[in-house]
Amino acid sequence: MRSTAEEMKWMQGGSASLRGALLGLVLERSGHSYELANRLVARLGETWRINPSDVYRLLKQLEDGGLVSSTEEPRRGGKRGTHSVYFATESTGEALALWMETLVPMAPVRVGLQAKLAVARAEDAPRLIGALRQYERECLDLLQLTPAAAGAPPSWKALFMDCTREAVDGQLRQEIAWAQHTRRRIREYAGAG
């Protein structure tokens, strides 16, 4: 597959990882947006914030790029109407392979908190401390959602889910440590002033 800038455009932006994961899921088995969103949550874990309407938008972007196709099919279970079911195209496998081997630029972490820190005034210290405390609580809550692995993974899917859990666990612990350290530094500075 040629790797022109236009062909790689779908891998740009903050949702590139989700678009790549969606390609893998569609290649594995077709599905409608809500079902694909549920499969993403099952694979990536509750720590990913996945909204089915966002998944629909991402699938539409992939379809516009010719990486998936859709057809309207009747809803199951006696429900009225139709929904779009997404299928792999001839380009899906090649695009997925390219995504797998391409290092996607790392997005900055804590973007919202970094922006607040960048423009904060000394009198904003109590609000920053509160925001950092809230962020730490959210990270702790998410950490509770990543259960520890039990023994050797029995399958390929269990292996990658275990590896994902370890990565998320490590990132959350690092985020908690950063929030605690930053709060401590703000308090020390505010106390010295």
C-alpha atoms as a PDB file:
ATOM      1  CA  MET A   1       0.000   0.000   0.000  1.00  0.00           C
ATOM      2  CA  ARG A   2       1.298   3.454  -0.875  1.00  0.00           C
ATOM      3  CA  SER A   3       1.636   5.601   2.195  1.00  0.00           C
ATOM      4  CA  THR A   4       0.860   9.039   0.850  1.00  0.00           C
ATOM      5  CA  ALA A   5      -0.090  11.842   3.184  1.00  0.00           C
ATOM      6  CA  GLU A   6      -3.669  11.724   1.880  1.00  0.00           C
ATOM      7  CA  GLU A   7      -3.971   7.979   2.562  1.00  0.00           C
ATOM      8  CA  MET A   8      -2.653   8.478   6.099  1.00  0.00           C
ATOM      9  CA  LYS A   9      -4.885  11.469   6.868  1.00  0.00           C
ATOM     10  CA  TRP A  10      -7.358   9.273   8.770  1.00  0.00           C
ATOM     11  CA  MET A  11      -4.578   8.552  11.306  1.00  0.00           C
ATOM     12  CA  GLN A  12      -4.310  12.204  12.319  1.00  0.00           C
ATOM     13  CA  GLY A  13      -5.993  13.884  15.242  1.00  0.00           C
ATOM     14  CA  GLY A  14      -7.021  12.908  18.716  1.00  0.00           C
ATOM     15  CA  SER A  15      -9.319  10.083  17.628  1.00  0.00           C
ATOM     16  CA  ALA A  16      -6.742   8.233  15.506  1.00  0.00           C
ATOM     17  CA  SER A  17      -6.405   5.433  18.038  1.00  0.00           C
ATOM     18  CA  LEU A  18     -10.152   4.843  18.139  1.00  0.00           C
ATOM     19  CA  ARG A  19     -10.388   4.922  14.335  1.00  0.00           C
ATOM     20  CA  GLY A  20      -7.593   2.342  14.122  1.00  0.00           C
ATOM     21  CA  ALA A  21      -9.238   0.148  16.751  1.00  0.00           C
ATOM     22  CA  LEU A  22     -12.542   0.410  14.873  1.00  0.00           C
ATOM     23  CA  LEU A  23     -10.844  -0.785  11.689  1.00  0.00           C
ATOM     24  CA  GLY A  24      -9.624  -3.846  13.588  1.00  0.00           C
ATOM     25  CA  LEU A  25     -13.076  -4.572  14.977  1.00  0.00           C
ATOM     26  CA  VAL A  26     -14.801  -4.157  11.596  1.00  0.00           C
ATOM     27  CA  LEU A  27     -12.184  -6.373   9.961  1.00  0.00           C
ATOM     28  CA  GLU A  28     -12.847  -8.981  12.640  1.00  0.00           C
ATOM     29  CA  ARG A  29     -16.647  -8.772  12.297  1.00  0.00           C
ATOM     30  CA  SER A  30     -19.096  -6.248  10.860  1.00  0.00           C
ATOM     31  CA  GLY A  31     -21.448  -4.367  13.167  1.00  0.00           C
ATOM     32  CA  HIS A  32     -23.479  -1.218  13.740  1.00  0.00           C
ATOM     33  CA  SER A  33     -22.040   1.756  15.624  1.00  0.00           C
ATOM     34  CA  TYR A  34     -23.561   0.980  19.028  1.00  0.00           C
ATOM     35  CA  GLU A  35     -22.443  -2.646  18.874  1.00  0.00           C
ATOM     36  CA  LEU A  36     -18.940  -1.596  17.781  1.00  0.00           C
ATOM     37  CA  ALA A  37     -18.831   0.932  20.654  1.00  0.00           C
ATOM     38  CA  ASN A  38     -19.699  -1.860  23.107  1.00  0.00           C
ATOM     39  CA  ARG A  39     -16.973  -4.049  21.632  1.00  0.00           C
ATOM     40  CA  LEU A  40     -14.478  -1.194  22.000  1.00  0.00           C
ATOM     41  CA  VAL A  41     -15.376  -0.769  25.676  1.00  0.00           C
ATOM     42  CA  ALA A  42     -15.058  -4.522  26.208  1.00  0.00           C
ATOM     43  CA  ARG A  43     -11.599  -4.524  24.632  1.00  0.00           C
ATOM     44  CA  LEU A  44     -10.197  -1.220  25.878  1.00  0.00           C
ATOM     45  CA  GLY A  45     -11.816  -1.135  29.297  1.00  0.00           C
ATOM     46  CA  GLU A  46     -13.986   1.308  31.173  1.00  0.00           C
ATOM     47  CA  THR A  47     -11.147   3.810  31.470  1.00  0.00           C
ATOM     48  CA  TRP A  48     -11.714   4.843  27.852  1.00  0.00           C
ATOM     49  CA  ARG A  49     -14.562   7.290  27.478  1.00  0.00           C
ATOM     50  CA  ILE A  50     -16.363   5.926  24.418  1.00  0.00           C
ATOM     51  CA  ASN A  51     -19.615   7.504  23.307  1.00  0.00           C
ATOM     52  CA  PRO A  52     -21.644   5.569  20.703  1.00  0.00           C
ATOM     53  CA  SER A  53     -22.441   8.798  18.833  1.00  0.00           C
ATOM     54  CA  ASP A  54     -18.694   9.516  18.588  1.00  0.00           C
ATOM     55  CA  VAL A  55     -18.186   6.001  17.227  1.00  0.00           C
ATOM     56  CA  TYR A  56     -20.813   6.694  14.566  1.00  0.00           C
ATOM     57  CA  ARG A  57     -18.950   9.895  13.582  1.00  0.00           C
ATOM     58  CA  LEU A  58     -15.607   8.058  13.424  1.00  0.00           C
ATOM     59  CA  LEU A  59     -17.103   5.255  11.345  1.00  0.00           C
ATOM     60  CA  LYS A  60     -18.527   7.856   8.957  1.00  0.00           C
ATOM     61  CA  GLN A  61     -15.037   9.366   8.608  1.00  0.00           C
ATOM     62  CA  LEU A  62     -13.596   5.925   7.852  1.00  0.00           C
ATOM     63  CA  GLU A  63     -16.373   5.313   5.340  1.00  0.00           C
ATOM     64  CA  ASP A  64     -15.727   8.657   3.647  1.00  0.00           C
ATOM     65  CA  GLY A  65     -12.104   7.552   3.272  1.00  0.00           C
ATOM     66  CA  GLY A  66     -13.123   4.222   1.731  1.00  0.00           C
ATOM     67  CA  LEU A  67     -11.768   2.205   4.656  1.00  0.00           C
ATOM     68  CA  VAL A  68     -15.159   0.750   5.639  1.00  0.00           C
ATOM     69  CA  SER A  69     -18.529   0.556   3.901  1.00  0.00           C
ATOM     70  CA  SER A  70     -22.042   0.458   5.269  1.00  0.00           C
ATOM     71  CA  THR A  71     -25.475  -0.772   4.331  1.00  0.00           C
ATOM     72  CA  GLU A  72     -28.816  -0.100   5.911  1.00  0.00           C
ATOM     73  CA  GLU A  73     -30.259  -3.211   7.536  1.00  0.00           C
ATOM     74  CA  PRO A  74     -33.453  -3.783   9.525  1.00  0.00           C
ATOM     75  CA  ARG A  75     -33.042  -3.568  13.292  1.00  0.00           C
ATOM     76  CA  ARG A  76     -33.125  -6.887  15.114  1.00  0.00           C
ATOM     77  CA  GLY A  77     -35.524  -7.925  17.822  1.00  0.00           C
ATOM     78  CA  GLY A  78     -38.677  -6.665  16.146  1.00  0.00           C
ATOM     79  CA  LYS A  79     -37.586  -3.018  16.416  1.00  0.00           C
ATOM     80  CA  ARG A  80     -38.770  -0.642  13.736  1.00  0.00           C
ATOM     81  CA  GLY A  81     -36.494   1.058  11.269  1.00  0.00           C
ATOM     82  CA  THR A  82     -33.021   0.381  10.009  1.00  0.00           C
ATOM     83  CA  HIS A  83     -29.477   1.084  11.086  1.00  0.00           C
ATOM     84  CA  SER A  84     -26.133   1.284   9.336  1.00  0.00           C
ATOM     85  CA  VAL A  85     -24.025  -1.848   9.557  1.00  0.00           C
ATOM     86  CA  TYR A  86     -20.335  -1.348   8.794  1.00  0.00           C
ATOM     87  CA  PHE A  87     -18.233  -3.803   6.781  1.00  0.00           C
ATOM     88  CA  ALA A  88     -14.566  -4.091   5.842  1.00  0.00           C
ATOM     89  CA  THR A  89     -13.510  -3.017   2.345  1.00  0.00           C
ATOM     90  CA  GLU A  90     -10.554  -4.132   0.266  1.00  0.00           C
ATOM     91  CA  SER A  91      -8.569  -1.293   1.883  1.00  0.00           C
ATOM     92  CA  THR A  92      -9.393  -2.117   5.514  1.00  0.00           C
ATOM     93  CA  GLY A  93      -6.707  -4.739   6.094  1.00  0.00           C
ATOM     94  CA  GLU A  94      -3.957  -2.664   4.495  1.00  0.00           C
ATOM     95  CA  ALA A  95      -4.993   0.445   6.431  1.00  0.00           C
ATOM     96  CA  LEU A  96      -5.026  -1.541   9.680  1.00  0.00           C
ATOM     97  CA  ALA A  97      -1.548  -2.940   8.932  1.00  0.00           C
ATOM     98  CA  LEU A  98      -0.266   0.597   8.240  1.00  0.00           C
ATOM     99  CA  TRP A  99      -1.821   1.861  11.486  1.00  0.00           C
ATOM    100  CA  MET A 100      -0.264  -1.011  13.441  1.00  0.00           C
ATOM    101  CA  GLU A 101       3.223  -0.145  12.229  1.00  0.00           C
ATOM    102  CA  THR A 102       2.893   3.655  12.407  1.00  0.00           C
ATOM    103  CA  LEU A 103       3.771   5.384  15.626  1.00  0.00           C
ATOM    104  CA  VAL A 104       0.953   7.830  16.219  1.00  0.00           C
ATOM    105  CA  PRO A 105       2.252  11.075  17.729  1.00  0.00           C
ATOM    106  CA  MET A 106       1.715  11.122  21.457  1.00  0.00           C
ATOM    107  CA  ALA A 107      -0.991  13.472  22.574  1.00  0.00           C
ATOM    108  CA  PRO A 108      -0.130  15.657  25.533  1.00  0.00           C
ATOM    109  CA  VAL A 109      -1.563  14.366  28.784  1.00  0.00           C
ATOM    110  CA  ARG A 110      -3.559  16.444  31.235  1.00  0.00           C
ATOM    111  CA  VAL A 111      -4.220  19.024  28.530  1.00  0.00           C
ATOM    112  CA  GLY A 112      -6.932  20.770  30.532  1.00  0.00           C
ATOM    113  CA  LEU A 113      -4.870  20.958  33.691  1.00  0.00           C
ATOM    114  CA  GLN A 114      -1.766  22.063  31.818  1.00  0.00           C
ATOM    115  CA  ALA A 115      -3.728  24.892  30.224  1.00  0.00           C
ATOM    116  CA  LYS A 116      -4.995  25.986  33.641  1.00  0.00           C
ATOM    117  CA  LEU A 117      -1.480  25.897  35.095  1.00  0.00           C
ATOM    118  CA  ALA A 118      -0.139  27.869  32.140  1.00  0.00           C
ATOM    119  CA  VAL A 119      -2.398  30.855  32.792  1.00  0.00           C
ATOM    120  CA  ALA A 120      -3.030  30.596  36.543  1.00  0.00           C
ATOM    121  CA  ARG A 121      -2.343  33.479  38.870  1.00  0.00           C
ATOM    122  CA  ALA A 122      -1.174  33.070  42.459  1.00  0.00           C
ATOM    123  CA  GLU A 123      -4.704  33.757  43.687  1.00  0.00           C
ATOM    124  CA  ASP A 124      -5.920  30.783  41.621  1.00  0.00           C
ATOM    125  CA  ALA A 125      -3.922  28.368  43.805  1.00  0.00           C
ATOM    126  CA  PRO A 126      -6.953  27.123  45.821  1.00  0.00           C
ATOM    127  CA  ARG A 127      -8.926  26.457  42.638  1.00  0.00           C
ATOM    128  CA  LEU A 128      -5.963  24.664  41.041  1.00  0.00           C
ATOM    129  CA  ILE A 129      -5.530  22.530  44.138  1.00  0.00           C
ATOM    130  CA  GLY A 130      -9.229  21.659  43.980  1.00  0.00           C
ATOM    131  CA  ALA A 131      -9.012  20.770  40.282  1.00  0.00           C
ATOM    132  CA  LEU A 132      -5.950  18.603  40.905  1.00  0.00           C
ATOM    133  CA  ARG A 133      -7.673  16.882  43.834  1.00  0.00           C
ATOM    134  CA  GLN A 134     -10.708  16.166  41.632  1.00  0.00           C
ATOM    135  CA  TYR A 135      -8.437  14.817  38.864  1.00  0.00           C
ATOM    136  CA  GLU A 136      -6.686  12.567  41.386  1.00  0.00           C
ATOM    137  CA  ARG A 137     -10.076  11.244  42.605  1.00  0.00           C
ATOM    138  CA  GLU A 138     -11.134  10.507  39.023  1.00  0.00           C
ATOM    139  CA  CYS A 139      -7.871   8.657  38.386  1.00  0.00           C
ATOM    140  CA  LEU A 140      -8.323   6.669  41.606  1.00  0.00           C
ATOM    141  CA  ASP A 141     -11.882   5.768  40.545  1.00  0.00           C
ATOM    142  CA  LEU A 142     -10.613   4.615  37.147  1.00  0.00           C
ATOM    143  CA  LEU A 143      -7.842   2.630  38.820  1.00  0.00           C
ATOM    144  CA  GLN A 144     -10.529   0.668  40.648  1.00  0.00           C
ATOM    145  CA  LEU A 145     -12.004  -0.323  37.265  1.00  0.00           C
ATOM    146  CA  THR A 146      -8.815  -2.059  36.124  1.00  0.00           C
ATOM    147  CA  PRO A 147      -8.864  -5.433  37.905  1.00  0.00           C
ATOM    148  CA  ALA A 148      -5.590  -7.238  38.456  1.00  0.00           C
ATOM    149  CA  ALA A 149      -4.748 -10.095  36.118  1.00  0.00           C
ATOM    150  CA  ALA A 150      -4.969 -13.627  37.456  1.00  0.00           C
ATOM    151  CA  GLY A 151      -2.227 -15.905  36.145  1.00  0.00           C
ATOM    152  CA  ALA A 152      -1.062 -16.413  32.596  1.00  0.00           C
ATOM    153  CA  PRO A 153      -3.414 -15.224  29.833  1.00  0.00           C
ATOM    154  CA  PRO A 154      -5.300 -18.196  28.332  1.00  0.00           C
ATOM    155  CA  SER A 155      -5.741 -16.609  24.886  1.00  0.00           C
ATOM    156  CA  TRP A 156      -4.438 -13.954  22.506  1.00  0.00           C
ATOM    157  CA  LYS A 157      -7.287 -11.583  23.419  1.00  0.00           C
ATOM    158  CA  ALA A 158      -6.657 -12.137  27.131  1.00  0.00           C
ATOM    159  CA  LEU A 159      -2.976 -11.335  26.565  1.00  0.00           C
ATOM    160  CA  PHE A 160      -3.594  -7.983  24.902  1.00  0.00           C
ATOM    161  CA  MET A 161      -6.312  -7.105  27.410  1.00  0.00           C
ATOM    162  CA  ASP A 162      -3.863  -7.866  30.218  1.00  0.00           C
ATOM    163  CA  CYS A 163      -1.174  -5.729  28.541  1.00  0.00           C
ATOM    164  CA  THR A 164      -3.692  -2.905  28.122  1.00  0.00           C
ATOM    165  CA  ARG A 165      -4.712  -3.183  31.767  1.00  0.00           C
ATOM    166  CA  GLU A 166      -1.059  -2.948  32.846  1.00  0.00           C
ATOM    167  CA  ALA A 167      -0.501   0.143  30.674  1.00  0.00           C
ATOM    168  CA  VAL A 168      -3.624   1.878  31.981  1.00  0.00           C
ATOM    169  CA  ASP A 169      -2.768   0.957  35.556  1.00  0.00           C
ATOM    170  CA  GLY A 170       0.744   2.407  35.193  1.00  0.00           C
ATOM    171  CA  GLN A 171      -0.493   5.597  33.536  1.00  0.00           C
ATOM    172  CA  LEU A 172      -3.154   6.168  36.170  1.00  0.00           C
ATOM    173  CA  ARG A 173      -0.661   5.660  38.999  1.00  0.00           C
ATOM    174  CA  GLN A 174       1.692   8.139  37.317  1.00  0.00           C
ATOM    175  CA  GLU A 175      -1.132  10.658  36.872  1.00  0.00           C
ATOM    176  CA  ILE A 176      -2.047  10.334  40.561  1.00  0.00           C
ATOM    177  CA  ALA A 177       1.581  10.871  41.581  1.00  0.00           C
ATOM    178  CA  TRP A 178       1.816  13.920  39.285  1.00  0.00           C
ATOM    179  CA  ALA A 179      -1.390  15.447  40.716  1.00  0.00           C
ATOM    180  CA  GLN A 180      -0.190  14.915  44.293  1.00  0.00           C
ATOM    181  CA  HIS A 181       3.266  16.344  43.525  1.00  0.00           C
ATOM    182  CA  THR A 182       1.838  19.378  41.717  1.00  0.00           C
ATOM    183  CA  ARG A 183      -0.626  20.081  44.545  1.00  0.00           C
ATOM    184  CA  ARG A 184       2.231  19.896  47.066  1.00  0.00           C
ATOM    185  CA  ARG A 185       4.360  22.314  45.013  1.00  0.00           C
ATOM    186  CA  ILE A 186       1.484  24.804  44.678  1.00  0.00           C
ATOM    187  CA  ARG A 187       0.835  24.653  48.443  1.00  0.00           C
ATOM    188  CA  GLU A 188       4.560  25.179  49.174  1.00  0.00           C
ATOM    189  CA  TYR A 189       4.713  28.142  46.823  1.00  0.00           C
ATOM    190  CA  ALA A 190       1.516  29.665  48.202  1.00  0.00           C
ATOM    191  CA  GLY A 191       2.827  29.193  51.755  1.00  0.00           C
ATOM    192  CA  ALA A 192       6.125  30.859  50.905  1.00  0.00           C
ATOM    193  CA  GLY A 193       4.443  33.931  49.357  1.00  0.00           C
END
